[in-house]
C-alpha cells in the first residue's frame, strides 16, 4: 500500500514540484470537514492516472496541495 505518510517520509517532506517543505499542520476544519491548506502534503502522480499513469511507487511523489492542484492532469516535462 502507498500511504501519504510513507511518501512524505521517502521524499523527506519536500514538494517535488516547487522544492518547498510540506506542512502536516497546514489544515483546518470547516463545518466539521477537513480543509487542506496550500502547503499540506498530497500524493502527486507524475504521470496522472487520467493519462494512463499507475498508482505505483515509481509514479508517485510528494507535492503541496496547491502545487498538485495547479498541476492537475498535466505531466511533468
N, C-alpha and C. Protein backbone atom coordinates (compact mmCIF):
# COMPACT_ATOMS: atom_id res chain seq x y z
N UNK A 1 0.83 -1.19 0.00
CA UNK A 1 0.00 0.00 0.00
C UNK A 1 0.87 1.26 0.00
N UNK A 2 0.44 2.25 -0.72
CA UNK A 2 1.11 3.54 -0.76
C UNK A 2 0.32 4.49 0.11
N UNK A 3 0.95 5.00 1.17
CA UNK A 3 0.28 5.94 2.05
C UNK A 3 0.94 7.31 1.93
N UNK A 4 0.18 8.35 2.25
CA UNK A 4 0.72 9.70 2.24
C UNK A 4 1.91 9.80 3.19
N UNK A 5 1.78 9.20 4.37
CA UNK A 5 2.88 9.24 5.34
C UNK A 5 4.15 8.62 4.77
N UNK A 6 4.03 7.48 4.11
CA UNK A 6 5.20 6.81 3.55
C UNK A 6 5.83 7.61 2.42
N UNK A 7 5.01 8.24 1.58
CA UNK A 7 5.56 9.09 0.51
C UNK A 7 6.24 10.31 1.12
N UNK A 8 5.64 10.89 2.17
CA UNK A 8 6.23 12.02 2.88
C UNK A 8 7.62 11.64 3.41
N UNK A 9 7.72 10.49 4.03
CA UNK A 9 8.99 10.04 4.60
C UNK A 9 10.03 9.77 3.50
N UNK A 10 9.62 9.09 2.45
CA UNK A 10 10.54 8.79 1.35
C UNK A 10 11.10 10.06 0.71
N UNK A 11 10.22 11.07 0.53
CA UNK A 11 10.60 12.30 -0.16
C UNK A 11 11.07 13.40 0.80
N UNK A 12 11.31 13.02 2.06
CA UNK A 12 11.83 13.95 3.07
C UNK A 12 10.98 15.20 3.26
N UNK A 13 9.69 15.08 3.01
CA UNK A 13 8.78 16.20 3.23
C UNK A 13 8.87 17.31 2.20
N UNK A 14 9.59 17.07 1.10
CA UNK A 14 9.83 18.11 0.10
C UNK A 14 8.89 17.95 -1.10
N UNK A 15 8.24 19.03 -1.47
CA UNK A 15 7.38 19.05 -2.66
C UNK A 15 8.26 18.91 -3.90
N UNK A 16 7.98 17.92 -4.71
CA UNK A 16 8.80 17.71 -5.91
C UNK A 16 8.53 18.75 -6.99
N UNK A 17 7.46 19.51 -6.88
CA UNK A 17 7.13 20.50 -7.90
C UNK A 17 7.87 21.82 -7.66
N UNK A 18 7.81 22.33 -6.43
CA UNK A 18 8.43 23.63 -6.15
C UNK A 18 9.67 23.55 -5.26
N UNK A 19 9.88 22.41 -4.60
CA UNK A 19 11.05 22.25 -3.74
C UNK A 19 10.85 22.73 -2.31
N UNK A 20 9.66 23.20 -1.97
CA UNK A 20 9.39 23.68 -0.62
C UNK A 20 8.99 22.54 0.33
N UNK A 21 9.06 22.83 1.61
CA UNK A 21 8.72 21.85 2.64
C UNK A 21 7.20 21.77 2.81
N UNK A 22 6.66 20.55 2.84
CA UNK A 22 5.24 20.34 3.11
C UNK A 22 4.99 20.44 4.61
N UNK A 23 3.78 20.83 4.99
CA UNK A 23 3.44 21.07 6.39
C UNK A 23 2.17 20.32 6.78
N UNK A 24 2.34 19.26 7.60
CA UNK A 24 1.20 18.48 8.08
C UNK A 24 0.19 19.35 8.83
N UNK A 25 0.66 20.44 9.44
CA UNK A 25 -0.20 21.29 10.25
C UNK A 25 -1.01 22.30 9.45
N UNK A 26 -0.78 22.37 8.14
CA UNK A 26 -1.45 23.37 7.32
C UNK A 26 -2.82 22.85 6.87
N UNK A 27 -3.75 22.85 7.81
CA UNK A 27 -5.12 22.44 7.53
C UNK A 27 -6.04 23.05 8.57
N UNK A 28 -7.32 22.98 8.29
CA UNK A 28 -8.32 23.48 9.22
C UNK A 28 -9.57 22.61 9.07
N UNK A 29 -10.55 22.93 9.87
CA UNK A 29 -11.84 22.26 9.78
C UNK A 29 -12.91 23.32 9.59
N UNK A 30 -13.78 23.09 8.64
CA UNK A 30 -14.89 24.00 8.40
C UNK A 30 -16.16 23.15 8.35
N UNK A 31 -17.08 23.45 9.23
CA UNK A 31 -18.31 22.67 9.33
C UNK A 31 -18.01 21.18 9.48
N UNK A 32 -17.02 20.88 10.32
CA UNK A 32 -16.58 19.50 10.59
C UNK A 32 -15.97 18.79 9.39
N UNK A 33 -15.55 19.52 8.37
CA UNK A 33 -14.89 18.94 7.21
C UNK A 33 -13.43 19.37 7.19
N UNK A 34 -12.55 18.43 6.89
CA UNK A 34 -11.12 18.70 6.77
C UNK A 34 -10.86 19.56 5.55
N UNK A 35 -10.09 20.64 5.72
CA UNK A 35 -9.75 21.54 4.62
C UNK A 35 -8.23 21.66 4.55
N UNK A 36 -7.64 21.21 3.44
CA UNK A 36 -6.19 21.29 3.26
C UNK A 36 -5.77 22.72 3.02
N UNK A 37 -4.66 23.11 3.64
CA UNK A 37 -4.04 24.40 3.35
C UNK A 37 -3.12 24.27 2.15
N UNK A 38 -2.56 25.36 1.70
CA UNK A 38 -1.73 25.37 0.49
C UNK A 38 -0.52 24.46 0.60
N UNK A 39 0.11 24.37 1.78
CA UNK A 39 1.34 23.58 1.90
C UNK A 39 1.11 22.18 2.50
N UNK A 40 -0.15 21.79 2.66
CA UNK A 40 -0.44 20.44 3.16
C UNK A 40 0.06 19.42 2.14
N UNK A 41 0.65 18.30 2.60
CA UNK A 41 1.18 17.31 1.66
C UNK A 41 0.09 16.52 0.95
N UNK A 42 0.36 16.20 -0.30
CA UNK A 42 -0.51 15.32 -1.09
C UNK A 42 0.36 14.37 -1.90
N UNK A 43 -0.26 13.32 -2.40
CA UNK A 43 0.41 12.42 -3.33
C UNK A 43 0.14 12.90 -4.74
N UNK A 44 1.21 13.16 -5.49
CA UNK A 44 1.08 13.54 -6.89
C UNK A 44 1.47 12.35 -7.75
N UNK A 45 0.67 12.06 -8.76
CA UNK A 45 1.02 11.05 -9.75
C UNK A 45 1.77 11.76 -10.86
N UNK A 46 3.05 11.46 -11.03
CA UNK A 46 3.88 12.15 -12.02
C UNK A 46 3.25 12.01 -13.40
N UNK A 47 2.89 10.79 -13.79
CA UNK A 47 2.05 10.59 -14.97
C UNK A 47 0.65 10.38 -14.43
N UNK A 48 -0.23 11.36 -14.61
CA UNK A 48 -1.56 11.30 -14.00
C UNK A 48 -2.33 10.02 -14.34
N UNK A 49 -3.12 9.58 -13.38
CA UNK A 49 -3.98 8.41 -13.61
C UNK A 49 -4.86 8.63 -14.82
N UNK A 50 -5.34 9.86 -15.00
CA UNK A 50 -6.21 10.20 -16.13
C UNK A 50 -5.50 10.07 -17.47
N UNK A 51 -4.17 10.05 -17.44
CA UNK A 51 -3.38 9.92 -18.67
C UNK A 51 -2.74 8.53 -18.77
N UNK A 52 -3.25 7.58 -17.98
CA UNK A 52 -2.74 6.21 -18.06
C UNK A 52 -1.65 5.88 -17.06
N UNK A 53 -1.34 6.81 -16.16
CA UNK A 53 -0.33 6.55 -15.13
C UNK A 53 -0.82 5.51 -14.14
N UNK A 54 0.10 4.90 -13.45
CA UNK A 54 -0.22 3.86 -12.47
C UNK A 54 -0.08 4.41 -11.05
N UNK A 55 -0.81 3.81 -10.13
CA UNK A 55 -0.65 4.13 -8.70
C UNK A 55 0.44 3.20 -8.17
N UNK A 56 1.68 3.56 -8.47
CA UNK A 56 2.84 2.74 -8.12
C UNK A 56 3.93 3.64 -7.53
N UNK A 57 4.84 3.03 -6.79
CA UNK A 57 5.89 3.81 -6.12
C UNK A 57 6.74 4.62 -7.08
N UNK A 58 6.96 4.12 -8.28
CA UNK A 58 7.81 4.87 -9.22
C UNK A 58 7.05 6.00 -9.92
N UNK A 59 5.74 6.11 -9.67
CA UNK A 59 4.94 7.17 -10.30
C UNK A 59 4.35 8.15 -9.29
N UNK A 60 4.67 8.01 -8.02
CA UNK A 60 4.13 8.95 -7.02
C UNK A 60 5.24 9.77 -6.39
N UNK A 61 4.94 11.02 -6.12
CA UNK A 61 5.86 11.96 -5.47
C UNK A 61 5.04 12.83 -4.51
N UNK A 62 5.74 13.42 -3.57
CA UNK A 62 5.10 14.33 -2.63
C UNK A 62 4.94 15.70 -3.26
N UNK A 63 3.80 16.35 -3.00
CA UNK A 63 3.56 17.70 -3.53
C UNK A 63 2.67 18.47 -2.57
N UNK A 64 2.89 19.78 -2.50
CA UNK A 64 1.96 20.64 -1.77
C UNK A 64 0.57 20.51 -2.38
N UNK A 65 -0.44 20.71 -1.57
CA UNK A 65 -1.82 20.71 -2.07
C UNK A 65 -1.97 21.72 -3.21
N UNK A 66 -1.45 22.93 -3.02
CA UNK A 66 -1.62 23.98 -4.03
C UNK A 66 -0.84 23.65 -5.31
N UNK A 67 0.36 23.10 -5.19
CA UNK A 67 1.15 22.74 -6.39
C UNK A 67 0.48 21.61 -7.16
N UNK A 68 0.00 20.62 -6.44
CA UNK A 68 -0.65 19.48 -7.06
C UNK A 68 -1.95 19.92 -7.72
N UNK A 69 -2.69 20.80 -7.08
CA UNK A 69 -3.94 21.30 -7.65
C UNK A 69 -3.69 22.09 -8.92
N UNK A 70 -2.65 22.91 -8.93
CA UNK A 70 -2.32 23.71 -10.12
C UNK A 70 -1.87 22.82 -11.26
N UNK A 71 -1.18 21.75 -10.94
CA UNK A 71 -0.69 20.80 -11.96
C UNK A 71 -1.84 20.09 -12.64
N UNK A 72 -2.83 19.68 -11.86
CA UNK A 72 -3.98 18.96 -12.40
C UNK A 72 -3.57 17.69 -13.11
N UNK A 73 -4.07 17.47 -14.30
CA UNK A 73 -3.78 16.26 -15.06
C UNK A 73 -2.65 16.48 -16.07
N UNK A 74 -1.82 17.51 -15.84
CA UNK A 74 -0.66 17.73 -16.71
C UNK A 74 0.46 16.80 -16.29
N UNK A 75 1.37 16.53 -17.20
CA UNK A 75 2.54 15.73 -16.86
C UNK A 75 3.74 16.65 -16.73
N UNK A 76 4.74 16.18 -16.00
CA UNK A 76 5.99 16.94 -15.90
C UNK A 76 6.74 16.88 -17.20
N UNK A 77 7.54 17.92 -17.44
CA UNK A 77 8.44 17.91 -18.58
C UNK A 77 7.86 18.32 -19.83
